């Protein structure tokens, strides 16, 4: 089981299953939410994710036109995860910001398998070798 938290540890996450995929996203929303050139994310089944604490929400319309909610700690500001609100609480997927996980060695071994919104990738950032590359959202998303 993977565990993680926001910076002040008031919001905790537990992942009981394996990620569906591990993704880097170069979209403008992820850049703003994470204050970084791209986001490093674990795409997981909502049913495998347990959240302790009460995160604040930031609703957003994604580039794909889906309503989305980002969850963050209202005390320390750490972005923790996001969900597509078109599915119910138990079905669908959640996007966990990989930086919240406690086990650094696990992150060392968790190479991304997909990069999305590569058309917006900064030119000085090289593609990750072996990752599927998509200029926007993948067709199945």
N, C-alpha and C. Protein backbone atom coordinates (compact mmCIF):
# COMPACT_ATOMS: atom_id res chain seq x y z
N UNK A 1 0.85 -1.18 0.00
CA UNK A 1 0.00 0.00 0.00
C UNK A 1 0.89 1.24 0.00
N UNK A 2 0.59 2.17 -0.89
CA UNK A 2 1.32 3.43 -0.96
C UNK A 2 0.60 4.46 -0.10
N UNK A 3 1.38 5.27 0.60
CA UNK A 3 0.80 6.33 1.42
C UNK A 3 1.46 7.64 1.08
N UNK A 4 0.75 8.72 1.36
CA UNK A 4 1.30 10.04 1.12
C UNK A 4 0.49 11.09 1.85
N UNK A 5 0.94 12.32 1.73
CA UNK A 5 0.26 13.41 2.42
C UNK A 5 0.61 14.74 1.80
N UNK A 6 -0.15 15.74 2.21
CA UNK A 6 0.21 17.12 1.89
C UNK A 6 1.41 17.49 2.77
N UNK A 7 1.93 18.67 2.59
CA UNK A 7 3.11 19.11 3.32
C UNK A 7 2.90 19.16 4.83
N UNK A 8 1.72 19.59 5.27
CA UNK A 8 1.45 19.70 6.72
C UNK A 8 0.85 18.42 7.29
N UNK A 9 0.61 17.42 6.46
CA UNK A 9 0.11 16.09 6.83
C UNK A 9 -1.34 16.07 7.32
N UNK A 10 -2.10 17.13 7.07
CA UNK A 10 -3.52 17.14 7.45
C UNK A 10 -4.38 16.37 6.45
N UNK A 11 -3.90 16.24 5.22
CA UNK A 11 -4.58 15.44 4.20
C UNK A 11 -3.66 14.25 3.90
N UNK A 12 -4.20 13.04 4.05
CA UNK A 12 -3.43 11.83 3.80
C UNK A 12 -4.11 11.00 2.71
N UNK A 13 -3.31 10.31 1.92
CA UNK A 13 -3.85 9.41 0.90
C UNK A 13 -3.24 8.03 1.08
N UNK A 14 -4.04 7.02 0.75
CA UNK A 14 -3.58 5.63 0.71
C UNK A 14 -4.05 5.04 -0.61
N UNK A 15 -3.14 4.39 -1.29
CA UNK A 15 -3.45 3.73 -2.55
C UNK A 15 -3.32 2.23 -2.34
N UNK A 16 -4.44 1.51 -2.46
CA UNK A 16 -4.43 0.06 -2.20
C UNK A 16 -4.11 -0.76 -3.44
N UNK A 17 -4.31 -0.22 -4.62
CA UNK A 17 -4.03 -0.95 -5.86
C UNK A 17 -2.84 -0.36 -6.59
N UNK A 18 -2.66 -0.82 -7.79
CA UNK A 18 -1.59 -0.32 -8.65
C UNK A 18 -2.12 0.82 -9.52
N UNK A 19 -1.26 1.76 -9.90
CA UNK A 19 -1.71 2.80 -10.82
C UNK A 19 -2.12 2.20 -12.17
N UNK A 20 -3.12 2.79 -12.80
CA UNK A 20 -3.51 2.40 -14.15
C UNK A 20 -2.43 2.81 -15.14
N UNK A 21 -1.86 3.97 -14.89
CA UNK A 21 -0.74 4.48 -15.68
C UNK A 21 -0.04 5.55 -14.86
N UNK A 22 1.16 5.89 -15.29
CA UNK A 22 1.92 6.98 -14.67
C UNK A 22 2.19 7.98 -15.77
N UNK A 23 1.79 9.22 -15.56
CA UNK A 23 1.79 10.20 -16.65
C UNK A 23 2.48 11.50 -16.27
N UNK A 24 3.12 12.08 -17.27
CA UNK A 24 3.56 13.47 -17.18
C UNK A 24 2.59 14.28 -18.02
N UNK A 25 2.13 15.40 -17.48
CA UNK A 25 1.22 16.27 -18.21
C UNK A 25 1.83 17.65 -18.35
N UNK A 26 1.84 18.16 -19.57
CA UNK A 26 2.44 19.45 -19.88
C UNK A 26 1.38 20.53 -20.14
N UNK A 27 0.11 20.26 -19.79
CA UNK A 27 -0.94 21.25 -20.07
C UNK A 27 -0.79 22.47 -19.17
N UNK A 28 -1.40 23.56 -19.59
CA UNK A 28 -1.32 24.81 -18.84
C UNK A 28 -1.94 24.68 -17.45
N UNK A 29 -3.04 23.94 -17.33
CA UNK A 29 -3.67 23.77 -16.01
C UNK A 29 -2.73 23.08 -15.03
N UNK A 30 -2.13 21.98 -15.45
CA UNK A 30 -1.20 21.26 -14.56
C UNK A 30 0.01 22.12 -14.22
N UNK A 31 0.47 22.88 -15.17
CA UNK A 31 1.60 23.78 -14.92
C UNK A 31 1.24 24.79 -13.82
N UNK A 32 0.04 25.34 -13.90
CA UNK A 32 -0.40 26.32 -12.90
C UNK A 32 -0.65 25.65 -11.54
N UNK A 33 -1.35 24.51 -11.55
CA UNK A 33 -1.71 23.84 -10.30
C UNK A 33 -0.47 23.42 -9.52
N UNK A 34 0.56 22.93 -10.22
CA UNK A 34 1.75 22.42 -9.55
C UNK A 34 2.87 23.44 -9.43
N UNK A 35 2.75 24.58 -10.10
CA UNK A 35 3.82 25.59 -10.12
C UNK A 35 5.12 25.01 -10.67
N UNK A 36 5.00 24.08 -11.61
CA UNK A 36 6.15 23.41 -12.22
C UNK A 36 5.94 23.35 -13.73
N UNK A 37 6.98 23.04 -14.49
CA UNK A 37 6.84 22.97 -15.94
C UNK A 37 5.91 21.85 -16.43
N UNK A 38 5.68 20.84 -15.60
CA UNK A 38 4.76 19.74 -15.92
C UNK A 38 4.38 19.05 -14.62
N UNK A 39 3.36 18.19 -14.67
CA UNK A 39 2.98 17.43 -13.48
C UNK A 39 3.32 15.96 -13.68
N UNK A 40 3.64 15.30 -12.58
CA UNK A 40 3.99 13.88 -12.53
C UNK A 40 2.87 13.21 -11.75
N UNK A 41 2.09 12.34 -12.40
CA UNK A 41 0.82 11.86 -11.84
C UNK A 41 0.67 10.36 -11.90
N UNK A 42 0.02 9.82 -10.87
CA UNK A 42 -0.41 8.43 -10.85
C UNK A 42 -1.90 8.42 -11.14
N UNK A 43 -2.30 7.76 -12.22
CA UNK A 43 -3.72 7.62 -12.57
C UNK A 43 -4.19 6.32 -11.91
N UNK A 44 -5.16 6.44 -11.00
CA UNK A 44 -5.59 5.30 -10.19
C UNK A 44 -7.10 5.16 -10.22
N UNK A 45 -7.59 3.98 -9.89
CA UNK A 45 -9.02 3.80 -9.72
C UNK A 45 -9.46 4.52 -8.44
N UNK A 46 -10.57 5.25 -8.52
CA UNK A 46 -11.08 5.93 -7.33
C UNK A 46 -11.33 4.94 -6.20
N UNK A 47 -11.77 3.74 -6.54
CA UNK A 47 -12.06 2.73 -5.52
C UNK A 47 -10.81 2.26 -4.78
N UNK A 48 -9.62 2.50 -5.34
CA UNK A 48 -8.36 2.14 -4.69
C UNK A 48 -7.78 3.26 -3.84
N UNK A 49 -8.41 4.42 -3.85
CA UNK A 49 -7.89 5.61 -3.17
C UNK A 49 -8.70 5.90 -1.91
N UNK A 50 -7.99 6.04 -0.79
CA UNK A 50 -8.62 6.46 0.47
C UNK A 50 -7.99 7.79 0.87
N UNK A 51 -8.84 8.77 1.14
CA UNK A 51 -8.37 10.10 1.54
C UNK A 51 -8.82 10.35 2.97
N UNK A 52 -7.89 10.78 3.81
CA UNK A 52 -8.19 11.14 5.19
C UNK A 52 -7.98 12.63 5.33
N UNK A 53 -8.89 13.30 6.01
CA UNK A 53 -8.85 14.75 6.12
C UNK A 53 -9.89 15.33 5.17
N UNK A 54 -10.00 16.63 5.17
CA UNK A 54 -11.00 17.29 4.33
C UNK A 54 -10.31 18.26 3.38
N UNK A 55 -9.98 17.79 2.17
CA UNK A 55 -9.33 18.69 1.23
C UNK A 55 -10.31 19.73 0.68
N UNK A 56 -9.77 20.87 0.32
CA UNK A 56 -10.55 21.89 -0.37
C UNK A 56 -10.62 21.51 -1.84
N UNK A 57 -11.62 22.02 -2.55
CA UNK A 57 -11.77 21.68 -3.97
C UNK A 57 -11.67 22.92 -4.84
N UNK A 58 -11.16 22.71 -6.02
CA UNK A 58 -11.09 23.74 -7.03
C UNK A 58 -11.68 23.16 -8.31
N UNK A 59 -12.94 23.53 -8.65
CA UNK A 59 -13.54 23.00 -9.87
C UNK A 59 -12.90 23.62 -11.11
N UNK A 60 -12.83 22.85 -12.18
CA UNK A 60 -12.18 23.30 -13.40
C UNK A 60 -12.79 22.56 -14.59
N UNK A 61 -12.81 23.19 -15.72
CA UNK A 61 -13.19 22.54 -16.97
C UNK A 61 -11.89 22.20 -17.70
N UNK A 62 -11.68 20.92 -17.97
CA UNK A 62 -10.44 20.49 -18.62
C UNK A 62 -10.46 20.84 -20.10
N UNK A 63 -9.29 20.74 -20.72
CA UNK A 63 -9.18 20.98 -22.16
C UNK A 63 -10.05 20.03 -22.96
N UNK A 64 -10.30 18.83 -22.40
CA UNK A 64 -11.13 17.85 -23.10
C UNK A 64 -12.62 18.14 -22.95
N UNK A 65 -12.96 19.17 -22.15
CA UNK A 65 -14.36 19.55 -21.97
C UNK A 65 -15.04 18.87 -20.80
N UNK A 66 -14.29 18.08 -20.03
CA UNK A 66 -14.86 17.40 -18.87
C UNK A 66 -14.74 18.28 -17.63
N UNK A 67 -15.79 18.23 -16.79
CA UNK A 67 -15.72 18.91 -15.50
C UNK A 67 -14.76 18.13 -14.60
N UNK A 68 -13.93 18.84 -13.91
CA UNK A 68 -12.86 18.25 -13.14
C UNK A 68 -12.77 18.98 -11.81
N UNK A 69 -12.39 18.28 -10.75
CA UNK A 69 -12.14 18.93 -9.47
C UNK A 69 -10.74 18.58 -9.00
N UNK A 70 -10.00 19.60 -8.62
CA UNK A 70 -8.69 19.40 -8.01
C UNK A 70 -8.85 19.55 -6.51
N UNK A 71 -8.20 18.68 -5.76
CA UNK A 71 -8.28 18.68 -4.30
C UNK A 71 -6.92 19.07 -3.74
N UNK A 72 -6.94 19.98 -2.79
CA UNK A 72 -5.70 20.48 -2.21
C UNK A 72 -5.91 20.74 -0.73
N UNK A 73 -4.81 20.90 0.00
CA UNK A 73 -4.89 21.20 1.42
C UNK A 73 -5.13 22.69 1.59
N UNK A 74 -6.17 23.03 2.30
CA UNK A 74 -6.51 24.43 2.52
C UNK A 74 -5.55 25.10 3.49
N UNK A 75 -4.79 24.31 4.25
CA UNK A 75 -3.84 24.89 5.21
C UNK A 75 -2.47 25.14 4.59
N UNK A 76 -1.89 24.13 3.92
CA UNK A 76 -0.54 24.31 3.37
C UNK A 76 -0.54 24.56 1.86
N UNK A 77 -1.66 24.32 1.19
CA UNK A 77 -1.78 24.59 -0.24
C UNK A 77 -1.31 23.49 -1.17
N UNK A 78 -0.86 22.37 -0.63
CA UNK A 78 -0.36 21.28 -1.47
C UNK A 78 -1.46 20.72 -2.37
N UNK A 79 -1.24 20.68 -3.70
CA UNK A 79 -2.19 19.97 -4.57
C UNK A 79 -2.01 18.47 -4.36
N UNK A 80 -3.11 17.76 -4.06
CA UNK A 80 -3.00 16.35 -3.69
C UNK A 80 -3.49 15.43 -4.82
N UNK A 81 -4.69 15.68 -5.33
CA UNK A 81 -5.24 14.82 -6.38
C UNK A 81 -6.36 15.54 -7.11
N UNK A 82 -6.84 14.93 -8.19
CA UNK A 82 -7.96 15.46 -8.95
C UNK A 82 -8.84 14.33 -9.44
N UNK A 83 -10.10 14.66 -9.74
CA UNK A 83 -11.03 13.66 -10.27
C UNK A 83 -11.92 14.26 -11.35
N UNK A 84 -12.37 13.40 -12.24
CA UNK A 84 -13.37 13.74 -13.24
C UNK A 84 -14.72 13.66 -12.53
N UNK A 85 -15.47 14.75 -12.47
CA UNK A 85 -16.72 14.75 -11.71
C UNK A 85 -17.89 14.13 -12.47
N UNK A 86 -17.69 13.72 -13.71
CA UNK A 86 -18.79 13.10 -14.46
C UNK A 86 -19.06 11.67 -13.99
N UNK A 87 -18.11 11.07 -13.29
CA UNK A 87 -18.33 9.73 -12.74
C UNK A 87 -18.65 9.85 -11.25
N UNK A 88 -19.25 8.80 -10.69
CA UNK A 88 -19.61 8.88 -9.27
C UNK A 88 -18.38 8.74 -8.38
N UNK A 89 -18.60 8.81 -7.08
CA UNK A 89 -17.50 8.81 -6.11
C UNK A 89 -16.64 7.55 -6.17
N UNK A 90 -17.23 6.42 -6.54
CA UNK A 90 -16.52 5.15 -6.50
C UNK A 90 -15.99 4.69 -7.85
N UNK A 91 -16.58 5.13 -8.94
CA UNK A 91 -16.12 4.66 -10.25
C UNK A 91 -15.23 5.72 -10.89
N UNK A 92 -14.57 5.31 -11.93
CA UNK A 92 -13.71 6.24 -12.64
C UNK A 92 -12.31 6.29 -12.03
N UNK A 93 -11.58 7.31 -12.41
CA UNK A 93 -10.19 7.42 -11.98
C UNK A 93 -9.94 8.72 -11.22
N UNK A 94 -8.84 8.70 -10.49
CA UNK A 94 -8.33 9.88 -9.81
C UNK A 94 -6.89 10.08 -10.28
N UNK A 95 -6.44 11.31 -10.25
CA UNK A 95 -5.08 11.66 -10.65
C UNK A 95 -4.36 12.14 -9.39
N UNK A 96 -3.47 11.30 -8.86
CA UNK A 96 -2.73 11.67 -7.65
C UNK A 96 -1.42 12.33 -8.07
N UNK A 97 -1.13 13.49 -7.49
CA UNK A 97 0.14 14.17 -7.74
C UNK A 97 1.24 13.34 -7.07
N UNK A 98 2.16 12.82 -7.85
CA UNK A 98 3.13 11.85 -7.35
C UNK A 98 4.00 12.40 -6.23
N UNK A 99 4.20 13.69 -6.17
CA UNK A 99 5.03 14.27 -5.13
C UNK A 99 4.49 14.12 -3.72
N UNK A 100 3.22 13.73 -3.57
CA UNK A 100 2.66 13.56 -2.23
C UNK A 100 3.05 12.22 -1.60
N UNK A 101 3.54 11.26 -2.39
CA UNK A 101 3.87 9.95 -1.83
C UNK A 101 5.09 10.03 -0.93
N UNK A 102 5.06 9.24 0.15
CA UNK A 102 6.11 9.27 1.16
C UNK A 102 7.37 8.51 0.76
N UNK A 103 7.24 7.46 -0.03
CA UNK A 103 8.34 6.54 -0.33
C UNK A 103 9.11 7.00 -1.57
N UNK A 104 10.23 7.67 -1.36
CA UNK A 104 11.04 8.16 -2.47
C UNK A 104 11.56 7.02 -3.34
N UNK A 105 11.92 5.89 -2.73
CA UNK A 105 12.44 4.78 -3.52
C UNK A 105 11.39 4.26 -4.50
N UNK A 106 10.12 4.30 -4.09
CA UNK A 106 9.04 3.87 -4.99
C UNK A 106 8.97 4.82 -6.19
N UNK A 107 9.13 6.11 -5.94
CA UNK A 107 9.09 7.08 -7.04
C UNK A 107 10.28 6.88 -7.98
N UNK A 108 11.43 6.49 -7.43
CA UNK A 108 12.61 6.23 -8.26
C UNK A 108 12.32 5.13 -9.29
N UNK A 109 11.49 4.17 -8.90
CA UNK A 109 11.18 3.03 -9.77
C UNK A 109 9.89 3.21 -10.57
N UNK A 110 9.27 4.37 -10.48
CA UNK A 110 7.97 4.61 -11.13
C UNK A 110 8.13 5.56 -12.31
N UNK A 111 8.75 5.05 -13.35
CA UNK A 111 8.97 5.85 -14.55
C UNK A 111 7.64 6.08 -15.27
N UNK A 112 7.40 7.30 -15.73
CA UNK A 112 6.17 7.56 -16.49
C UNK A 112 6.09 6.68 -17.73
N UNK A 113 4.85 6.33 -18.09
CA UNK A 113 4.61 5.52 -19.28
C UNK A 113 3.98 6.33 -20.40
N UNK A 114 3.51 7.54 -20.08
CA UNK A 114 2.83 8.37 -21.06
C UNK A 114 3.11 9.84 -20.76
N UNK A 115 3.26 10.63 -21.82
CA UNK A 115 3.34 12.08 -21.69
C UNK A 115 2.21 12.67 -22.52
N UNK A 116 1.45 13.59 -21.92
CA UNK A 116 0.33 14.21 -22.63
C UNK A 116 0.54 15.72 -22.71
N UNK A 117 -0.14 16.31 -23.67
CA UNK A 117 0.00 17.74 -23.98
C UNK A 117 1.45 18.09 -24.31
N UNK A 118 2.10 17.21 -25.06
CA UNK A 118 3.49 17.44 -25.43
C UNK A 118 3.65 18.65 -26.35
N UNK A 119 2.57 19.05 -27.01
CA UNK A 119 2.64 20.26 -27.85
C UNK A 119 2.94 21.49 -27.00
N UNK A 120 2.67 21.40 -25.70
CA UNK A 120 2.91 22.52 -24.78
C UNK A 120 4.15 22.30 -23.91
N UNK A 121 4.88 21.20 -24.16
CA UNK A 121 6.10 20.91 -23.40
C UNK A 121 7.13 22.00 -23.68
N UNK A 122 7.81 22.46 -22.65
CA UNK A 122 8.86 23.46 -22.84
C UNK A 122 9.96 22.86 -23.69
N UNK A 123 10.52 23.66 -24.60
CA UNK A 123 11.46 23.12 -25.58
C UNK A 123 12.74 22.59 -24.96
N UNK A 124 13.09 23.01 -23.75
CA UNK A 124 14.31 22.52 -23.12
C UNK A 124 14.08 21.24 -22.32
N UNK A 125 12.84 20.73 -22.28
CA UNK A 125 12.54 19.48 -21.60
C UNK A 125 12.47 18.36 -22.64
N UNK A 126 13.31 17.37 -22.48
CA UNK A 126 13.36 16.26 -23.43
C UNK A 126 12.23 15.27 -23.15
N UNK A 127 11.71 14.62 -24.19
CA UNK A 127 10.73 13.55 -23.98
C UNK A 127 11.36 12.43 -23.15
N UNK A 128 10.55 11.77 -22.35
CA UNK A 128 11.02 10.63 -21.57
C UNK A 128 11.11 9.43 -22.51
N UNK A 129 12.29 8.85 -22.58
CA UNK A 129 12.52 7.71 -23.47
C UNK A 129 11.58 6.56 -23.12
N UNK A 130 10.91 6.02 -24.14
CA UNK A 130 10.02 4.89 -23.96
C UNK A 130 8.59 5.25 -23.61
N UNK A 131 8.32 6.53 -23.36
CA UNK A 131 6.95 6.97 -23.04
C UNK A 131 6.14 7.17 -24.31
N UNK A 132 4.86 6.80 -24.24
CA UNK A 132 3.96 7.17 -25.33
C UNK A 132 3.81 8.69 -25.30
N UNK A 133 3.76 9.30 -26.46
CA UNK A 133 3.70 10.76 -26.57
C UNK A 133 2.40 11.18 -27.25
N UNK A 134 1.69 12.13 -26.64
CA UNK A 134 0.46 12.65 -27.22
C UNK A 134 0.48 14.17 -27.16
N UNK A 135 0.18 14.82 -28.28
CA UNK A 135 0.17 16.28 -28.32
C UNK A 135 -0.94 16.88 -27.47
N UNK A 136 -2.00 16.12 -27.23
CA UNK A 136 -3.11 16.53 -26.36
C UNK A 136 -3.47 15.36 -25.47
N UNK A 137 -4.78 15.18 -25.24
CA UNK A 137 -5.24 14.01 -24.48
C UNK A 137 -5.17 12.78 -25.38
N UNK A 138 -4.87 11.61 -24.83
CA UNK A 138 -4.91 10.40 -25.64
C UNK A 138 -6.33 10.13 -26.12
N UNK A 139 -6.48 9.49 -27.27
CA UNK A 139 -7.81 9.25 -27.83
C UNK A 139 -8.77 8.52 -26.89
N UNK A 140 -8.27 7.65 -26.02
CA UNK A 140 -9.15 6.87 -25.15
C UNK A 140 -9.56 7.62 -23.89
N UNK A 141 -9.01 8.79 -23.64
CA UNK A 141 -9.29 9.52 -22.38
C UNK A 141 -10.61 10.25 -22.43
